[in-house]
Amino acid sequence: MPADLSHVEDLDENQAFSPVHPVFADAPEGVTFRKLRKRLVRQTLEAVRAYGMVSAAKTGEAKRPRWLVCLSGGKDSYTLLSVLLDLQWQGALPVDLLACNLDQGQPGFPKHILPDYLARIGVPHRIVTQDTYSVVTEKVPASNTYCSLCSRMRRGILYRVAREEGCQAVVLGHHRDDSLETFMLNFLHGGRLAAMPPKLVNDAGDLFVLRPLIGCAEDDIRRFAAHMQFPIIPCNLCGSQDGLQRMQIKSLLNEWEQRNPGKRQVMARALSHVRPSHLVDAELFDFAGLELGAPGTKDDGV
């Protein structure tokens, strides 16, 4: 069962952010930033509640759930940690957080940035060093992208660390736009309808994988990160980012958004308003079992 968070009042911009967590010690005080921060916090809390991300403690279990919050050093993961710390600070997130960064041995990776940042804001953390970069570059031809193999290896290491640290969940910084891009990739190239789920159980069945920012827009996250002046680590250290199908999808979505502002939000809403009876998957909906005389399904005429 999900934890009962009904005691947590909706956060308003006057009472929710005082006193502040040290992560916000140098944050701007202007109205624009406060509204942006409030929106990200609200959307994250809505996702935590809607998808039951905080599981109730088992009978006789005194320990709170513990989450492994994965940090890459990019804008998304910095924002994820900041918003979760904010919710935890306000009593809206009854979990313990352990930040984790995986140093994969990429040439030029600035090893000191994340440990220094996490120590400065007083966040418990673990830095894991494992050279997956050499393995990936050895096995994948230079003309191909490293992302698929790299992400599988990274996920396996993070699962191991989560188990070692007694964590219930591995928490990732994917947001609304990541989910839409994944949906479009699967739709156009994979021949299936699938996006990024906000919550899933890993194949071994012993860990949750959570995406609390699933309702947050990338543009909001980008502006939040700029206001916070996070020490961003570039994501192109492996040199394999150019020409990815995902980048093509991102450009396509950007073009649609420019022509029709708000299009991304409409598409995101569609992912949570699915009508199995209006698709053509016989495993998802019992078309063969439909009979005359029984209540029918709504015909949209399209």
Protein backbone atom coordinates (compact mmCIF):
# COMPACT_ATOMS: atom_id res chain seq x y z
CA MET A 1 0.00 0.00 0.00
CA PRO A 2 1.22 3.54 -0.66
CA ALA A 3 2.07 5.65 2.34
CA ASP A 4 -0.60 8.03 3.60
CA LEU A 5 0.54 11.53 2.66
CA SER A 6 -2.84 13.14 3.26
CA HIS A 7 -1.50 15.01 6.28
CA VAL A 8 0.75 17.08 4.03
CA GLU A 9 -0.91 20.38 3.12
CA ASP A 10 -0.54 21.84 -0.34
CA LEU A 11 2.62 23.88 -0.36
CA ASP A 12 2.16 27.63 -0.77
CA GLU A 13 5.03 29.86 -1.75
CA ASN A 14 5.04 31.81 1.53
CA GLN A 15 5.14 28.97 4.07
CA ALA A 16 6.67 26.09 2.15
CA PHE A 17 10.20 27.38 1.77
CA SER A 18 11.11 28.65 5.22
CA PRO A 19 13.39 27.61 6.71
CA VAL A 20 15.20 26.28 3.67
CA HIS A 21 17.38 23.25 3.11
CA PRO A 22 21.07 24.17 2.66
CA VAL A 23 20.78 23.26 -1.03
CA PHE A 24 18.79 26.50 -1.43
CA ALA A 25 21.09 28.67 0.67
CA ASP A 26 22.29 30.66 -2.34
CA ALA A 27 19.11 30.40 -4.41
CA PRO A 28 17.51 33.55 -5.87
CA GLU A 29 14.79 35.23 -3.80
CA GLY A 30 12.77 36.67 -6.67
CA VAL A 31 9.14 35.86 -7.39
CA THR A 32 9.96 34.22 -10.73
CA PHE A 33 12.22 31.65 -9.14
CA ARG A 34 9.86 31.04 -6.23
CA LYS A 35 7.00 30.27 -8.62
CA LEU A 36 9.19 27.98 -10.70
CA ARG A 37 10.41 26.13 -7.62
CA LYS A 38 6.89 25.84 -6.28
CA ARG A 39 5.65 24.36 -9.57
CA LEU A 40 8.39 21.72 -9.70
CA VAL A 41 7.81 20.78 -6.05
CA ARG A 42 4.05 20.54 -6.58
CA GLN A 43 4.34 18.44 -9.74
CA THR A 44 6.81 16.10 -8.06
CA LEU A 45 4.61 15.67 -5.00
CA GLU A 46 1.65 14.95 -7.27
CA ALA A 47 3.62 12.19 -8.97
CA VAL A 48 4.77 10.72 -5.64
CA ARG A 49 1.15 10.58 -4.48
CA ALA A 50 -0.51 9.52 -7.75
CA TYR A 51 1.84 6.61 -8.39
CA GLY A 52 2.28 5.44 -4.80
CA MET A 53 6.04 5.97 -4.80
CA VAL A 54 6.33 5.91 -1.02
CA SER A 55 5.40 2.44 0.16
CA ALA A 56 4.02 2.00 3.65
CA ALA A 57 6.34 0.33 6.12
CA LYS A 58 5.71 -3.34 6.72
CA THR A 59 4.15 -4.39 10.01
CA GLY A 60 6.75 -4.22 12.76
CA GLU A 61 9.26 -2.43 10.53
CA ALA A 62 10.60 0.73 12.16
CA LYS A 63 12.93 1.88 9.40
CA ARG A 64 11.80 4.45 6.87
CA PRO A 65 12.16 3.61 3.19
CA ARG A 66 15.52 4.59 1.73
CA TRP A 67 15.98 5.85 -1.81
CA LEU A 68 19.14 5.80 -3.92
CA VAL A 69 19.01 9.09 -5.84
CA CYS A 70 21.16 8.75 -8.96
CA LEU A 71 23.23 11.79 -9.94
CA SER A 72 24.93 12.18 -13.30
CA GLY A 73 25.93 15.80 -12.78
CA GLY A 74 23.41 17.06 -15.35
CA LYS A 75 20.59 19.54 -14.87
CA ASP A 76 17.93 16.83 -14.45
CA SER A 77 19.58 14.90 -11.64
CA TYR A 78 20.60 18.06 -9.76
CA THR A 79 17.01 19.26 -9.95
CA LEU A 80 15.72 15.84 -8.86
CA LEU A 81 17.87 15.87 -5.74
CA SER A 82 17.00 19.48 -4.88
CA VAL A 83 13.24 18.94 -5.18
CA LEU A 84 13.34 15.70 -3.18
CA LEU A 85 15.38 17.42 -0.46
CA ASP A 86 12.84 20.24 -0.46
CA LEU A 87 9.92 17.82 -0.01
CA GLN A 88 11.80 15.86 2.65
CA TRP A 89 12.70 19.10 4.49
CA GLN A 90 9.02 20.13 4.53
CA GLY A 91 7.93 16.73 5.87
CA ALA A 92 6.18 15.78 2.63
CA LEU A 93 8.53 12.94 1.73
CA PRO A 94 8.94 10.41 4.57
CA VAL A 95 12.00 8.65 3.13
CA ASP A 96 15.75 8.78 3.64
CA LEU A 97 17.82 9.86 0.64
CA LEU A 98 21.26 8.64 -0.40
CA ALA A 99 22.77 10.43 -3.38
CA CYS A 100 24.92 8.28 -5.66
CA ASN A 101 27.20 9.07 -8.57
CA LEU A 102 28.82 6.47 -10.81
CA ASP A 103 32.22 7.47 -12.18
CA GLN A 104 32.40 5.36 -15.34
CA GLY A 105 35.98 6.23 -16.25
CA GLN A 106 35.19 8.63 -19.10
CA PRO A 107 38.23 10.67 -20.15
CA GLY A 108 38.10 14.14 -18.66
CA PHE A 109 35.43 13.32 -16.07
CA PRO A 110 35.83 15.89 -13.25
CA LYS A 111 35.82 13.56 -10.26
CA HIS A 112 35.80 16.25 -7.59
CA ILE A 113 32.69 18.20 -8.60
CA LEU A 114 29.90 16.01 -7.22
CA PRO A 115 31.65 14.94 -3.97
CA ASP A 116 32.51 18.57 -3.22
CA TYR A 117 28.97 19.76 -3.99
CA LEU A 118 27.27 17.02 -1.94
CA ALA A 119 29.59 17.56 1.00
CA ARG A 120 28.94 21.30 0.91
CA ILE A 121 25.15 20.89 1.13
CA GLY A 122 25.43 18.10 3.71
CA VAL A 123 23.80 15.29 1.72
CA PRO A 124 24.71 11.65 2.47
CA HIS A 125 26.28 10.21 -0.65
CA ARG A 126 28.29 7.45 -2.19
CA ILE A 127 30.63 7.78 -5.16
CA VAL A 128 31.15 4.54 -7.09
CA THR A 129 34.11 4.19 -9.47
CA GLN A 130 33.89 1.50 -12.13
CA ASP A 131 35.42 1.74 -15.58
CA THR A 132 32.55 0.80 -17.86
CA TYR A 133 33.75 3.28 -20.49
CA SER A 134 36.64 1.04 -21.58
CA VAL A 135 34.34 -1.98 -21.78
CA VAL A 136 31.77 -0.16 -23.90
CA THR A 137 34.29 1.40 -26.30
CA GLU A 138 35.92 -2.01 -26.76
CA LYS A 139 32.67 -3.80 -27.58
CA VAL A 140 30.80 -1.15 -29.57
CA PRO A 141 32.12 -0.02 -32.99
CA ALA A 142 33.12 3.62 -33.09
CA SER A 143 30.44 4.32 -35.71
CA ASN A 144 27.66 3.22 -33.32
CA THR A 145 26.32 4.88 -30.20
CA TYR A 146 27.38 3.68 -26.78
CA CYS A 147 24.19 4.63 -24.95
CA SER A 148 22.32 1.30 -24.93
CA LEU A 149 25.11 -0.89 -23.57
CA CYS A 150 26.36 1.86 -21.29
CA SER A 151 22.94 2.39 -19.71
CA ARG A 152 22.45 -1.35 -19.11
CA MET A 153 25.80 -1.63 -17.37
CA ARG A 154 25.16 1.53 -15.37
CA ARG A 155 21.74 0.31 -14.24
CA GLY A 156 23.18 -3.03 -13.10
CA ILE A 157 25.81 -1.29 -10.98
CA LEU A 158 23.24 1.04 -9.43
CA TYR A 159 20.99 -1.91 -8.56
CA ARG A 160 23.92 -3.53 -6.79
CA VAL A 161 24.72 -0.37 -4.85
CA ALA A 162 21.05 0.04 -3.86
CA ARG A 163 21.02 -3.48 -2.41
CA GLU A 164 24.28 -2.91 -0.56
CA GLU A 165 22.91 0.29 0.96
CA GLY A 166 19.55 -1.18 1.97
CA CYS A 167 17.62 1.01 -0.43
CA GLN A 168 14.08 0.21 -1.52
CA ALA A 169 14.21 2.24 -4.72
CA VAL A 170 16.53 3.55 -7.40
CA VAL A 171 15.40 7.09 -8.26
CA LEU A 172 16.09 8.62 -11.68
CA GLY A 173 15.80 12.16 -13.06
CA HIS A 174 13.78 11.46 -16.21
CA HIS A 175 11.11 14.09 -16.85
CA ARG A 176 8.00 14.63 -18.97
CA ASP A 177 9.92 15.32 -22.18
CA ASP A 178 12.09 12.22 -21.76
CA SER A 179 8.93 10.16 -21.50
CA LEU A 180 7.44 11.75 -24.63
CA GLU A 181 10.64 11.21 -26.60
CA THR A 182 10.71 7.56 -25.54
CA PHE A 183 7.08 7.16 -26.59
CA MET A 184 7.78 8.65 -30.01
CA LEU A 185 10.91 6.51 -30.45
CA ASN A 186 8.93 3.36 -29.69
CA PHE A 187 6.04 4.50 -31.88
CA LEU A 188 8.14 5.44 -34.93
CA HIS A 189 11.04 3.02 -34.66
CA GLY A 190 10.08 0.25 -32.22
CA GLY A 191 6.58 -0.62 -33.43
CA ARG A 192 5.00 -0.41 -29.99
CA LEU A 193 3.20 2.04 -27.71
CA ALA A 194 5.39 2.49 -24.62
CA ALA A 195 6.89 5.39 -22.72
CA MET A 196 8.81 5.70 -19.45
CA PRO A 197 6.75 4.48 -16.49
CA PRO A 198 6.84 6.61 -13.34
CA LYS A 199 7.23 3.49 -11.22
CA LEU A 200 8.29 -0.06 -11.99
CA VAL A 201 9.79 -3.12 -10.33
CA ASN A 202 13.14 -4.36 -11.63
CA ASP A 203 13.48 -7.80 -13.23
CA ALA A 204 14.77 -9.34 -10.00
CA GLY A 205 11.68 -8.07 -8.21
CA ASP A 206 13.56 -6.54 -5.28
CA LEU A 207 13.79 -2.85 -6.18
CA PHE A 208 11.51 -0.08 -7.37
CA VAL A 209 12.67 2.26 -10.12
CA LEU A 210 11.07 5.67 -9.63
CA ARG A 211 10.84 8.81 -11.78
CA PRO A 212 9.39 11.56 -9.55
CA LEU A 213 9.98 14.30 -12.17
CA ILE A 214 7.80 12.52 -14.72
CA GLY A 215 5.30 15.41 -14.80
CA CYS A 216 7.90 18.19 -14.97
CA ALA A 217 8.75 20.02 -18.19
CA GLU A 218 12.36 20.02 -19.33
CA ASP A 219 12.22 23.77 -19.95
CA ASP A 220 11.27 24.36 -16.29
CA ILE A 221 14.12 22.11 -15.18
CA ARG A 222 16.55 23.93 -17.45
CA ARG A 223 15.56 27.32 -16.05
CA PHE A 224 15.62 26.00 -12.47
CA ALA A 225 19.15 24.65 -12.94
CA ALA A 226 20.29 27.96 -14.39
CA HIS A 227 18.85 29.87 -11.40
CA MET A 228 20.49 27.44 -8.98
CA GLN A 229 23.85 27.63 -10.79
CA PHE A 230 24.52 23.93 -10.39
CA PRO A 231 28.07 22.79 -11.22
CA ILE A 232 26.96 20.99 -14.39
CA ILE A 233 29.10 18.16 -15.76
CA PRO A 234 28.82 17.94 -19.57
CA CYS A 235 26.99 14.87 -20.90
CA ASN A 236 29.13 14.49 -24.04
CA LEU A 237 32.30 13.17 -22.44
CA CYS A 238 31.88 9.84 -24.23
CA GLY A 239 31.59 11.57 -27.61
CA SER A 240 28.59 9.46 -28.66
CA GLN A 241 25.73 11.92 -28.41
CA ASP A 242 25.53 13.28 -31.95
CA GLY A 243 23.10 11.82 -34.47
CA LEU A 244 21.02 9.82 -32.04
CA GLN A 245 17.43 9.06 -33.01
CA ARG A 246 16.41 10.64 -29.71
CA MET A 247 17.91 13.95 -30.79
CA GLN A 248 15.91 13.79 -34.01
CA ILE A 249 12.73 13.16 -32.00
CA LYS A 250 13.58 16.05 -29.68
CA SER A 251 13.97 18.37 -32.67
CA LEU A 252 10.61 17.19 -34.04
CA LEU A 253 8.86 17.85 -30.73
CA ASN A 254 10.55 21.26 -30.47
CA GLU A 255 9.22 22.16 -33.91
CA TRP A 256 5.68 21.11 -32.97
CA GLU A 257 5.90 23.08 -29.73
CA GLN A 258 7.05 26.20 -31.56
CA ARG A 259 4.17 25.96 -34.01
CA ASN A 260 1.58 25.05 -31.36
CA PRO A 261 2.63 26.10 -27.83
CA GLY A 262 1.40 23.62 -25.22
CA LYS A 263 1.55 20.64 -27.59
CA ARG A 264 3.96 18.74 -25.34
CA GLN A 265 1.61 19.04 -22.38
CA VAL A 266 -1.33 17.77 -24.45
CA MET A 267 0.74 14.78 -25.56
CA ALA A 268 1.84 14.11 -21.99
CA ARG A 269 -1.77 14.16 -20.82
CA ALA A 270 -2.61 11.59 -23.50
CA LEU A 271 -0.21 9.12 -21.89
CA SER A 272 -2.43 9.05 -18.79
CA HIS A 273 -5.73 8.90 -20.70
CA VAL A 274 -5.47 5.59 -22.54
CA ARG A 275 -8.49 3.79 -24.02
CA PRO A 276 -7.56 0.14 -24.61
CA SER A 277 -10.87 -0.44 -26.43
CA HIS A 278 -9.84 2.13 -29.05
CA LEU A 279 -6.53 0.51 -29.90
CA VAL A 280 -6.03 -2.79 -31.73
CA ASP A 281 -4.25 -4.95 -29.13
CA ALA A 282 -6.34 -8.07 -28.56
CA GLU A 283 -4.24 -8.97 -25.52
CA LEU A 284 -5.00 -5.64 -23.92
CA PHE A 285 -8.74 -5.59 -24.63
CA ASP A 286 -11.14 -8.52 -25.11
CA PHE A 287 -12.56 -7.66 -28.54
CA ALA A 288 -13.59 -11.28 -29.09
CA GLY A 289 -15.65 -11.18 -25.91
CA LEU A 290 -17.78 -8.23 -27.03
CA GLU A 291 -21.41 -9.23 -27.63
CA LEU A 292 -24.51 -7.45 -28.82
CA GLY A 293 -26.90 -6.45 -26.07
CA ALA A 294 -24.09 -5.64 -23.62
CA PRO A 295 -22.99 -2.08 -22.80
CA GLY A 296 -20.78 -0.92 -25.63
CA THR A 297 -17.68 1.21 -25.79
CA LYS A 298 -17.92 4.85 -26.70
CA ASP A 299 -17.50 5.42 -30.42
CA ASP A 300 -15.49 8.60 -30.98
CA GLY A 301 -16.08 8.50 -34.69
CA VAL A 302 -12.39 8.86 -35.49
